[in-house]
Amino acid sequence: MRRLGDKSLETVIRTDQRYGGHPFFQGPRGWPYWNFLEYPKPIQDPNLWPDMQSTYFLTRFALPSGATLTLRGPYPRARYFKLALYKAEHGTFVSIGEDLAGWDIAPDPGSTNPFVPGNYRLGEPRDYTVSILAEDPPDDPKFREANTMYGGRSGGDLQMVLRIYLSDQGSDGAGWGPWASAVHKYGLPEIELTYADGTRLSGAEAAAAIGKPYDASLTQPFTAAQWEALVLSKDNDPTHSPATAPARKDPNWVKYWNIRYSILGSFMTPEEQAKLPYKGPIDGGGDPDTQYLFVQLSRLFGPVFVTRGKMPSFPDTYSGAAETGLEIMPEAQTQYFSIVSCEAAPSGQIVDGLSDMQIPVDEEGNYTIVYSRKEDRPSNATTENGVAWIEWSPRGEGLDTPQNRTEFGMLMMRIMAPSSDWAESPAKIMKPGEGAAVMGAYYPRGQYMTKEDFEALGETPFRQSDTRTGDRSAAPPEDK
């Protein structure tokens, strides 16, 4: 089922044709590219729980001592844009704390940054220049150079991820040109490598000198065998059973901290999980500016899971008056909000997803999201009734083994770049267990139900009285 903002087959093909042959960046990567392209590349396998509206480009490289890598490119026409550096550790990619979001990147002289609130989003020129130095970052942040990321002096491989979320209506999946046109003016950044002695290389020469192409898909943090061992472990919380672990009968949405605490720890008793370290940089290739909330579930506790909460205000950039994108970037509580339906960690796949503008809210700004298989979808779980529906994977864990549990389910929320002025922001959750207290009405609360139970609520479940979707940025909901 295609929703407003979802990428069409034509958009996916156009995006892949335009940017799939770059000498340095590999991709485009994301759910539609893997599922719509006839012959996707292994690196396009979105096996780390992606967002439905994301387009990722990845590169792996090693900078020589004293070298500088310069990127020159255009800001995309999109909701969110980000560059971030990672290093491989413990079988996953861990942020090194060097990243630049769109609004952090100062524009070139004469250009406009479309991601800064109050700026015109659709104008040209829209160019930027970013540098990556083979140096350690200054101890004092005030001495950091503008538009600069520091890759460190110690050497070793770096991974860079270029993220683009929800390109404007009429644009290709990366937001650099109209999808319907055979001609496009913009694209991935041009690269230039400057060695310590001043020697310069650009384009394919620079990519060949430092790049380390991917020849396979990214690896999962768990193999199927490791996951199955976790499910069956005698050290698990005794309230778990092998049929449902790590899901709980009374599920709570929790903040994601790291793989060890949040995934491994979810099999433990709360007391044992509390002994694990939770502070530190984001792993799993996650975005350092994104707050992730998730809940692991089992249909054995109920075939329908209903989540309710208050939607933060967001900049509804997709359409605008001319249906080619919003003209002025507004202030908002968060840059982007979404929810995706996931399989288990060894799969890393999603099967469905909703972005903020696709989720109806009532007059108080509250949403109701129903998660079920297609056959269990309540007849009143419709946008017309103020209810969003998201599909539960028919594959469950999604493992290609006889032990695959088809009753497993998982939901993940992204709350991207929340404003520091938002009092209930999940970024202000400083330790596990604080979610409900910090987020208040914005904290998602869920419950298991049956199809019949939900249908018995009638045409206005939970008294939803206003099913508006779209721009909630101009008049954000009042904090209650």
Protein backbone atom coordinates (compact mmCIF):
# COMPACT_ATOMS: atom_id res chain seq x y z
CA MET A 1 0.00 0.00 0.00
CA ARG A 2 1.60 3.24 -1.16
CA ARG A 3 1.10 6.35 0.98
CA LEU A 4 1.76 10.04 0.34
CA GLY A 5 5.52 10.50 0.31
CA ASP A 6 6.40 6.87 -0.42
CA LYS A 7 8.85 6.43 -3.29
CA SER A 8 7.46 5.11 -6.55
CA LEU A 9 9.20 2.48 -8.66
CA GLU A 10 10.06 5.18 -11.20
CA THR A 11 11.65 7.37 -8.52
CA VAL A 12 13.69 4.45 -7.19
CA ILE A 13 14.99 3.51 -10.64
CA ARG A 14 15.84 7.11 -11.49
CA THR A 15 17.72 7.60 -8.21
CA ASP A 16 19.71 4.41 -8.69
CA GLN A 17 20.59 5.28 -12.28
CA ARG A 18 21.76 8.77 -11.33
CA TYR A 19 23.85 8.06 -8.26
CA GLY A 20 24.57 4.33 -8.25
CA GLY A 21 27.85 4.62 -10.13
CA HIS A 22 29.67 7.16 -7.96
CA PRO A 23 33.40 6.38 -7.55
CA PHE A 24 33.42 7.11 -3.81
CA PHE A 25 29.91 6.81 -2.33
CA GLN A 26 28.02 3.53 -2.67
CA GLY A 27 24.26 3.23 -2.78
CA PRO A 28 21.58 4.40 -2.86
CA ARG A 29 20.67 2.16 0.05
CA GLY A 30 17.27 1.82 1.66
CA TRP A 31 14.11 -0.26 1.76
CA PRO A 32 12.67 0.72 -1.65
CA TYR A 33 15.97 0.27 -3.48
CA TRP A 34 16.39 -3.28 -2.17
CA ASN A 35 12.75 -4.22 -2.73
CA PHE A 36 11.98 -2.44 -6.02
CA LEU A 37 15.17 -2.75 -8.08
CA GLU A 38 15.43 -5.86 -10.23
CA TYR A 39 19.13 -6.41 -9.49
CA PRO A 40 20.12 -4.52 -6.34
CA LYS A 41 23.75 -4.58 -5.21
CA PRO A 42 24.64 -6.32 -1.92
CA ILE A 43 25.42 -2.96 -0.27
CA GLN A 44 21.85 -1.86 -1.02
CA ASP A 45 20.50 -4.49 1.38
CA PRO A 46 18.95 -2.36 4.19
CA ASN A 47 19.66 -4.87 6.93
CA LEU A 48 20.10 -2.48 9.87
CA TRP A 49 16.45 -1.51 10.53
CA PRO A 50 16.29 1.46 8.13
CA ASP A 51 13.54 4.04 7.83
CA MET A 52 11.02 3.67 5.03
CA GLN A 53 11.69 7.21 3.75
CA SER A 54 15.49 7.19 3.92
CA THR A 55 18.13 7.21 1.22
CA TYR A 56 21.61 6.32 2.43
CA PHE A 57 24.97 6.57 0.72
CA LEU A 58 27.96 4.87 2.34
CA THR A 59 31.70 5.02 1.86
CA ARG A 60 34.66 3.43 3.60
CA PHE A 61 38.10 5.02 3.43
CA ALA A 62 41.39 5.59 5.25
CA LEU A 63 43.00 9.04 5.32
CA PRO A 64 46.82 9.24 5.21
CA SER A 65 48.48 11.14 8.05
CA GLY A 66 48.07 14.89 7.62
CA ALA A 67 45.62 14.56 4.72
CA THR A 68 42.37 16.42 4.16
CA LEU A 69 39.33 15.16 2.28
CA THR A 70 37.12 17.95 0.94
CA LEU A 71 33.51 17.43 -0.11
CA ARG A 72 31.74 20.00 -2.27
CA GLY A 73 28.09 19.48 -2.98
CA PRO A 74 24.51 20.77 -2.91
CA TYR A 75 22.06 20.62 -0.04
CA PRO A 76 19.23 18.27 -1.08
CA ARG A 77 15.56 19.21 -1.18
CA ALA A 78 14.55 17.02 1.73
CA ARG A 79 13.43 17.00 5.33
CA TYR A 80 16.75 15.87 6.80
CA PHE A 81 20.38 15.71 5.66
CA LYS A 82 23.36 14.39 7.61
CA LEU A 83 27.02 13.39 7.28
CA ALA A 84 28.46 11.16 10.02
CA LEU A 85 31.68 9.20 10.64
CA TYR A 86 31.97 5.74 12.22
CA LYS A 87 34.57 3.09 13.03
CA ALA A 88 34.08 -0.67 13.08
CA GLU A 89 34.08 -2.05 16.63
CA HIS A 90 32.78 -5.31 18.10
CA GLY A 91 31.10 -6.35 14.88
CA THR A 92 29.19 -3.11 14.40
CA PHE A 93 29.72 0.52 13.36
CA VAL A 94 30.15 2.94 16.25
CA SER A 95 29.90 6.71 15.97
CA ILE A 96 33.17 8.55 16.64
CA GLY A 97 31.26 11.70 17.57
CA GLU A 98 32.04 13.48 14.31
CA ASP A 99 28.95 14.42 12.36
CA LEU A 100 27.30 17.40 10.69
CA ALA A 101 23.56 17.84 10.25
CA GLY A 102 22.25 19.99 7.42
CA TRP A 103 21.69 23.08 9.58
CA ASP A 104 25.23 22.76 11.04
CA ILE A 105 26.85 23.17 7.62
CA ALA A 106 27.51 26.79 6.69
CA PRO A 107 26.72 27.49 3.02
CA ASP A 108 29.26 28.63 0.47
CA PRO A 109 29.34 32.41 -0.17
CA GLY A 110 26.18 33.40 -2.05
CA SER A 111 24.38 30.14 -1.22
CA THR A 112 21.53 29.52 1.22
CA ASN A 113 21.25 26.68 3.72
CA PRO A 114 17.66 25.40 3.34
CA PHE A 115 17.73 23.52 6.66
CA VAL A 116 18.05 26.58 8.89
CA PRO A 117 14.65 27.61 10.31
CA GLY A 118 13.40 30.75 8.60
CA ASN A 119 15.44 30.19 5.44
CA TYR A 120 14.00 29.76 1.95
CA ARG A 121 14.20 26.04 1.11
CA LEU A 122 13.85 26.07 -2.67
CA GLY A 123 16.39 28.66 -3.74
CA GLU A 124 19.65 28.39 -5.67
CA PRO A 125 22.59 28.32 -5.34
CA ARG A 126 22.52 25.87 -2.43
CA ASP A 127 26.13 24.71 -2.14
CA TYR A 128 28.34 23.72 0.80
CA THR A 129 31.94 22.65 1.43
CA VAL A 130 32.90 20.18 4.17
CA SER A 131 36.37 18.99 5.21
CA ILE A 132 37.48 15.79 6.94
CA LEU A 133 40.89 16.09 8.59
CA ALA A 134 43.24 13.27 9.59
CA GLU A 135 43.61 15.00 12.96
CA ASP A 136 42.23 14.59 16.45
CA PRO A 137 39.50 17.07 17.37
CA PRO A 138 40.54 20.05 19.50
CA ASP A 139 40.06 19.55 23.24
CA ASP A 140 38.20 22.85 23.37
CA PRO A 141 35.20 22.84 20.99
CA LYS A 142 35.58 26.58 20.36
CA PHE A 143 38.75 25.81 18.39
CA ARG A 144 36.99 23.46 15.99
CA GLU A 145 36.99 24.63 12.39
CA ALA A 146 33.61 25.27 10.77
CA ASN A 147 32.19 22.60 8.45
CA THR A 148 34.86 20.17 9.63
CA MET A 149 34.92 16.61 10.92
CA TYR A 150 38.02 15.11 12.53
CA GLY A 151 38.92 11.55 11.56
CA GLY A 152 41.75 11.17 14.08
CA ARG A 153 45.51 10.77 13.79
CA SER A 154 45.55 7.08 14.61
CA GLY A 155 44.55 6.06 11.10
CA GLY A 156 42.42 3.05 10.32
CA ASP A 157 39.29 2.72 8.28
CA LEU A 158 36.47 5.22 8.62
CA GLN A 159 32.93 4.75 7.44
CA MET A 160 30.91 7.76 6.38
CA VAL A 161 27.14 7.73 5.99
CA LEU A 162 25.30 10.41 4.04
CA ARG A 163 21.65 10.39 5.12
CA ILE A 164 18.73 11.97 3.29
CA TYR A 165 15.21 11.59 4.66
CA LEU A 166 11.96 12.33 2.84
CA SER A 167 12.93 14.18 -0.32
CA ASP A 168 10.45 16.81 -1.54
CA GLN A 169 7.50 15.98 -3.75
CA GLY A 170 8.59 15.69 -7.38
CA SER A 171 12.25 15.07 -6.45
CA ASP A 172 14.26 11.90 -6.86
CA GLY A 173 14.99 9.82 -3.76
CA ALA A 174 18.01 11.95 -2.88
CA GLY A 175 16.38 15.34 -3.43
CA TRP A 176 18.94 16.52 -5.99
CA GLY A 177 16.75 16.71 -9.07
CA PRO A 178 13.24 16.13 -10.47
CA TRP A 179 12.61 12.42 -10.77
CA ALA A 180 10.61 12.88 -13.99
CA SER A 181 13.40 14.71 -15.83
CA ALA A 182 16.19 13.01 -17.73
CA VAL A 183 18.46 15.90 -16.75
CA HIS A 184 19.57 16.73 -13.22
CA LYS A 185 21.81 19.59 -12.13
CA TYR A 186 22.99 18.35 -8.74
CA GLY A 187 24.23 15.15 -7.18
CA LEU A 188 26.57 13.53 -4.69
CA PRO A 189 29.45 15.66 -3.41
CA GLU A 190 32.58 16.02 -5.48
CA ILE A 191 35.67 14.95 -3.54
CA GLU A 192 39.21 16.28 -3.40
CA LEU A 193 42.09 14.71 -1.46
CA THR A 194 44.96 16.91 -0.29
CA TYR A 195 48.04 15.15 1.07
CA ALA A 196 50.26 16.61 3.78
CA ASP A 197 52.79 17.70 1.11
CA GLY A 198 50.12 19.62 -0.83
CA THR A 199 49.57 17.04 -3.58
CA ARG A 200 45.94 17.01 -4.71
CA LEU A 201 43.78 14.31 -6.24
CA SER A 202 40.12 14.58 -7.16
CA GLY A 203 37.20 12.46 -8.30
CA ALA A 204 37.95 8.87 -9.25
CA GLU A 205 41.68 9.31 -8.56
CA ALA A 206 41.01 10.39 -4.98
CA ALA A 207 38.50 7.58 -4.51
CA ALA A 208 41.00 5.00 -5.78
CA ALA A 209 43.70 6.34 -3.47
CA ILE A 210 41.76 6.11 -0.20
CA GLY A 211 38.50 4.27 -0.84
CA LYS A 212 37.78 0.73 0.30
CA PRO A 213 34.68 -0.42 -1.60
CA TYR A 214 32.14 -2.76 -0.06
CA ASP A 215 31.87 -6.09 -1.82
CA ALA A 216 29.07 -7.44 0.35
CA SER A 217 26.17 -6.32 2.48
CA LEU A 218 26.84 -4.96 5.95
CA THR A 219 26.99 -7.65 8.63
CA GLN A 220 24.41 -7.97 11.39
CA PRO A 221 25.30 -7.56 15.07
CA PHE A 222 23.95 -11.11 15.61
CA THR A 223 23.93 -14.27 13.57
CA ALA A 224 20.81 -16.43 13.58
CA ALA A 225 22.64 -19.00 15.72
CA GLN A 226 23.64 -16.37 18.29
CA TRP A 227 20.10 -15.03 18.45
CA GLU A 228 18.64 -18.50 18.89
CA ALA A 229 21.15 -19.16 21.69
CA LEU A 230 19.93 -15.99 23.40
CA VAL A 231 16.32 -17.07 23.10
CA LEU A 232 17.09 -20.45 24.70
CA SER A 233 19.62 -19.28 27.29
CA LYS A 234 19.13 -20.64 30.82
CA ASP A 235 20.37 -17.27 32.12
CA ASN A 236 17.34 -15.40 30.79
CA ASP A 237 14.81 -13.72 33.02
CA PRO A 238 12.75 -16.65 34.37
CA THR A 239 9.56 -14.78 33.43
CA HIS A 240 10.59 -15.20 29.78
CA SER A 241 9.78 -18.31 27.78
CA PRO A 242 11.55 -19.54 24.63
CA ALA A 243 8.31 -18.99 22.72
CA THR A 244 8.14 -15.25 23.43
CA ALA A 245 11.52 -13.96 24.74
CA PRO A 246 12.46 -11.12 24.95
CA ALA A 247 8.88 -9.84 24.59
CA ARG A 248 6.89 -9.21 27.76
CA LYS A 249 3.19 -9.56 28.47
CA ASP A 250 3.06 -5.94 29.67
CA PRO A 251 5.29 -4.23 27.09
CA ASN A 252 6.89 -0.83 27.49
CA TRP A 253 8.53 1.36 24.90
CA VAL A 254 12.17 1.95 25.88
CA LYS A 255 15.00 4.14 24.66
CA TYR A 256 17.74 2.42 22.67
CA TRP A 257 21.17 2.87 24.29
CA ASN A 258 23.45 0.28 22.68
CA ILE A 259 23.34 -3.31 21.47
CA ARG A 260 24.66 -4.80 24.71
CA TYR A 261 22.31 -2.98 27.06
CA SER A 262 19.20 -2.69 24.92
CA ILE A 263 19.19 -5.96 22.96
CA LEU A 264 21.22 -8.44 25.02
CA GLY A 265 19.93 -6.88 28.22
CA SER A 266 16.30 -7.28 27.18
CA PHE A 267 16.63 -11.03 27.77
CA MET A 268 17.84 -10.50 31.36
CA THR A 269 16.06 -9.70 34.58
CA PRO A 270 15.75 -5.94 35.15
CA GLU A 271 18.27 -6.26 37.98
CA GLU A 272 20.89 -7.93 35.78
CA GLN A 273 20.26 -5.57 32.88
CA ALA A 274 20.81 -2.61 35.21
CA LYS A 275 24.40 -3.80 35.76
CA LEU A 276 25.25 -3.32 32.07
CA PRO A 277 26.80 -0.05 30.81
CA TYR A 278 24.37 2.06 28.83
CA LYS A 279 26.23 5.33 28.26
CA GLY A 280 28.42 5.87 25.22
CA PRO A 281 28.34 6.58 21.50
CA ILE A 282 25.58 5.20 19.31
CA ASP A 283 26.40 1.86 17.68
CA GLY A 284 24.74 -0.19 14.96
CA GLY A 285 25.40 2.62 12.49
CA GLY A 286 22.77 4.75 14.22
CA ASP A 287 22.45 8.50 13.74
CA PRO A 288 23.99 10.41 16.69
CA ASP A 289 21.24 13.06 16.41
CA THR A 290 18.38 10.56 16.48
CA GLN A 291 16.58 9.26 19.55
CA TYR A 292 15.44 5.67 19.01
CA LEU A 293 12.59 4.11 20.99
CA PHE A 294 11.62 0.47 20.51
CA VAL A 295 9.44 -2.32 21.84
CA GLN A 296 9.78 -6.08 21.27
CA LEU A 297 6.54 -8.03 21.04
CA SER A 298 4.92 -11.41 20.50
CA ARG A 299 1.59 -12.25 18.92
CA LEU A 300 1.22 -14.95 21.57
CA PHE A 301 0.30 -12.13 23.95
CA GLY A 302 -2.12 -10.57 21.47
CA PRO A 303 -2.41 -10.34 17.66
CA VAL A 304 -2.94 -6.56 17.70
CA PHE A 305 -0.70 -4.02 19.42
CA VAL A 306 -1.98 -0.46 19.82
CA THR A 307 0.35 2.47 20.53
CA ARG A 308 -0.89 5.93 21.54
CA GLY A 309 0.98 9.14 22.25
CA LYS A 310 1.28 12.79 21.40
CA MET A 311 2.89 13.78 18.11
CA PRO A 312 5.66 16.39 18.39
CA SER A 313 5.51 19.27 15.93
CA PHE A 314 7.59 18.75 12.79
CA PRO A 315 8.38 20.71 9.60
CA ASP A 316 6.03 19.30 6.97
CA THR A 317 8.34 19.97 4.04
CA TYR A 318 7.12 17.41 1.50
CA SER A 319 4.53 19.31 -0.54
CA GLY A 320 4.15 23.01 0.12
CA ALA A 321 1.73 25.29 -1.72
CA ALA A 322 3.18 24.46 -5.14
CA GLU A 323 3.47 20.72 -4.35
CA THR A 324 7.23 20.87 -4.93
CA GLY A 325 8.28 21.32 -1.31
CA LEU A 326 7.63 23.76 1.50
CA GLU A 327 9.09 27.22 0.83
CA ILE A 328 10.27 28.28 4.32
CA MET A 329 11.81 25.93 6.91
CA PRO A 330 9.81 26.34 10.15
CA GLU A 331 10.78 25.81 13.76
CA ALA A 332 9.60 22.50 15.24
CA GLN A 333 10.01 20.19 18.21
CA THR A 334 11.63 17.51 16.06
CA GLN A 335 12.96 17.40 12.52
CA TYR A 336 11.40 14.03 11.72
CA PHE A 337 9.28 11.38 13.46
CA SER A 338 8.63 7.88 12.18
CA ILE A 339 7.78 4.33 13.16
CA VAL A 340 8.87 1.12 11.42
CA SER A 341 7.87 -2.54 11.74
CA CYS A 342 10.98 -4.69 12.26
CA GLU A 343 12.08 -8.29 12.14
CA ALA A 344 14.64 -9.61 14.65
CA ALA A 345 18.24 -8.38 14.84
CA PRO A 346 19.80 -11.13 12.65
CA SER A 347 17.42 -10.12 9.85
CA GLY A 348 17.55 -6.36 10.35
CA GLN A 349 14.77 -5.92 7.82
CA ILE A 350 11.67 -3.78 8.08
CA VAL A 351 8.38 -4.57 6.37
CA ASP A 352 6.42 -1.33 6.79
CA GLY A 353 6.81 2.20 8.06
CA LEU A 354 5.04 5.49 8.64
CA SER A 355 6.49 8.98 8.68
CA ASP A 356 4.99 11.82 10.72
CA MET A 357 2.95 13.34 7.90
CA GLN A 358 1.31 9.95 7.23
CA ILE A 359 -0.02 9.56 10.78
CA PRO A 360 -3.41 11.10 11.64
CA VAL A 361 -3.80 12.98 14.93
CA ASP A 362 -6.83 14.16 16.88
CA GLU A 363 -7.54 17.72 18.00
CA GLU A 364 -5.20 17.26 20.98
CA GLY A 365 -2.34 16.17 18.71
CA ASN A 366 -2.56 12.51 19.78
CA TYR A 367 -2.03 9.55 17.46
CA THR A 368 -3.26 5.95 17.54
CA ILE A 369 -1.19 3.37 15.66
CA VAL A 370 -2.37 -0.22 15.19
CA TYR A 371 0.24 -2.92 14.52
CA SER A 372 -0.99 -6.26 13.19
CA ARG A 373 -0.80 -8.69 10.34
CA LYS A 374 -3.01 -7.92 7.37
CA GLU A 375 -5.54 -10.56 8.33
CA ASP A 376 -5.75 -9.16 11.87
CA ARG A 377 -6.23 -5.53 10.87
CA PRO A 378 -9.37 -4.18 12.57
CA SER A 379 -11.88 -2.83 10.06
CA ASN A 380 -11.95 0.51 11.89
CA ALA A 381 -8.15 0.92 11.85
CA THR A 382 -8.28 3.48 9.05
CA THR A 383 -7.07 7.00 8.46
CA GLU A 384 -10.70 8.09 8.09
CA ASN A 385 -11.23 6.96 11.68
CA GLY A 386 -8.10 8.72 12.87
CA VAL A 387 -6.06 5.52 13.13
CA ALA A 388 -2.78 4.64 11.43
CA TRP A 389 -2.05 1.00 10.62
CA ILE A 390 1.35 -0.64 10.22
CA GLU A 391 1.94 -4.23 9.13
CA TRP A 392 3.40 -6.91 11.43
CA SER A 393 5.87 -9.04 9.48
CA PRO A 394 4.37 -12.37 8.42
CA ARG A 395 7.93 -13.76 8.77
CA GLY A 396 8.16 -12.82 12.44
CA GLU A 397 11.86 -12.89 13.29
CA GLY A 398 12.68 -13.22 9.60
CA LEU A 399 15.26 -15.97 10.13
CA ASP A 400 15.93 -18.53 7.42
CA THR A 401 16.11 -21.36 9.94
CA PRO A 402 13.67 -23.96 11.28
CA GLN A 403 13.76 -22.15 14.64
CA ASN A 404 12.28 -18.94 13.18
CA ARG A 405 9.47 -17.69 15.43
CA THR A 406 6.75 -16.21 13.25
CA GLU A 407 5.01 -14.62 16.27
CA PHE A 408 7.89 -12.19 17.00
CA GLY A 409 7.39 -8.49 16.32
CA MET A 410 9.19 -5.25 16.96
CA LEU A 411 8.47 -1.55 16.46
CA MET A 412 11.04 1.23 16.34
CA MET A 413 10.45 4.98 16.51
CA ARG A 414 12.85 7.60 15.25
CA ILE A 415 12.68 11.07 16.76
CA MET A 416 15.33 12.90 14.79
CA ALA A 417 17.24 15.95 15.94
CA PRO A 418 14.76 17.00 18.64
CA SER A 419 14.94 20.67 19.59
CA SER A 420 16.74 21.51 22.83
CA ASP A 421 13.77 23.80 23.57
CA TRP A 422 11.38 20.84 23.63
CA ALA A 423 10.97 20.09 27.34
CA GLU A 424 9.71 16.53 26.82
CA SER A 425 12.37 15.53 24.28
CA PRO A 426 13.62 11.93 24.53
CA ALA A 427 17.14 13.37 24.29
CA LYS A 428 16.58 14.46 27.88
CA ILE A 429 16.21 10.85 29.04
CA MET A 430 19.53 10.50 30.85
CA LYS A 431 19.16 6.93 32.11
CA PRO A 432 16.97 3.88 31.54
CA GLY A 433 13.53 3.98 33.08
CA GLU A 434 12.99 7.73 32.76
CA GLY A 435 11.03 7.67 29.50
CA ALA A 436 7.52 8.19 30.83
CA ALA A 437 8.58 10.82 33.38
CA VAL A 438 10.59 12.87 30.87
CA MET A 439 8.34 12.59 27.82
CA GLY A 440 4.98 12.88 29.56
CA ALA A 441 2.18 12.88 27.01
CA TYR A 442 4.70 12.34 24.19
CA TYR A 443 5.80 8.98 25.63
CA PRO A 444 4.26 6.15 23.55
CA ARG A 445 2.08 3.77 25.53
CA GLY A 446 1.03 0.44 24.10
CA GLN A 447 -1.27 -2.47 24.81
CA TYR A 448 -2.11 -5.84 23.31
CA MET A 449 -5.63 -6.28 21.97
CA THR A 450 -7.58 -8.55 19.67
CA LYS A 451 -9.10 -7.52 16.38
CA GLU A 452 -12.55 -7.84 17.92
CA ASP A 453 -11.61 -5.72 20.95
CA PHE A 454 -10.46 -2.87 18.75
CA GLU A 455 -13.44 -3.07 16.41
CA ALA A 456 -15.71 -2.82 19.43
CA LEU A 457 -14.37 0.72 19.98
CA GLY A 458 -16.38 1.85 16.95
CA GLU A 459 -15.66 4.47 14.31
CA THR A 460 -13.82 6.82 16.66
CA PRO A 461 -11.45 4.59 18.66
CA PHE A 462 -10.13 6.26 21.80
CA ARG A 463 -12.38 9.25 21.01
CA GLN A 464 -10.31 10.47 18.09
CA SER A 465 -12.25 13.51 16.87
CA ASP A 466 -9.96 15.06 14.28
CA THR A 467 -8.07 13.05 11.68
CA ARG A 468 -5.90 15.76 10.25
CA THR A 469 -2.60 14.78 8.69
CA GLY A 470 -0.01 17.10 7.25
CA ASP A 471 1.63 20.26 8.55
CA ARG A 472 1.69 20.49 12.33
CA SER A 473 4.65 22.86 12.32
CA ALA A 474 2.86 26.18 11.93
CA ALA A 475 0.68 25.57 14.99
CA PRO A 476 2.41 23.02 17.24
CA PRO A 477 0.26 21.32 19.86
CA GLU A 478 0.22 22.97 23.26
CA ASP A 479 2.09 21.12 26.01
CA LYS A 480 -0.41 19.77 28.51
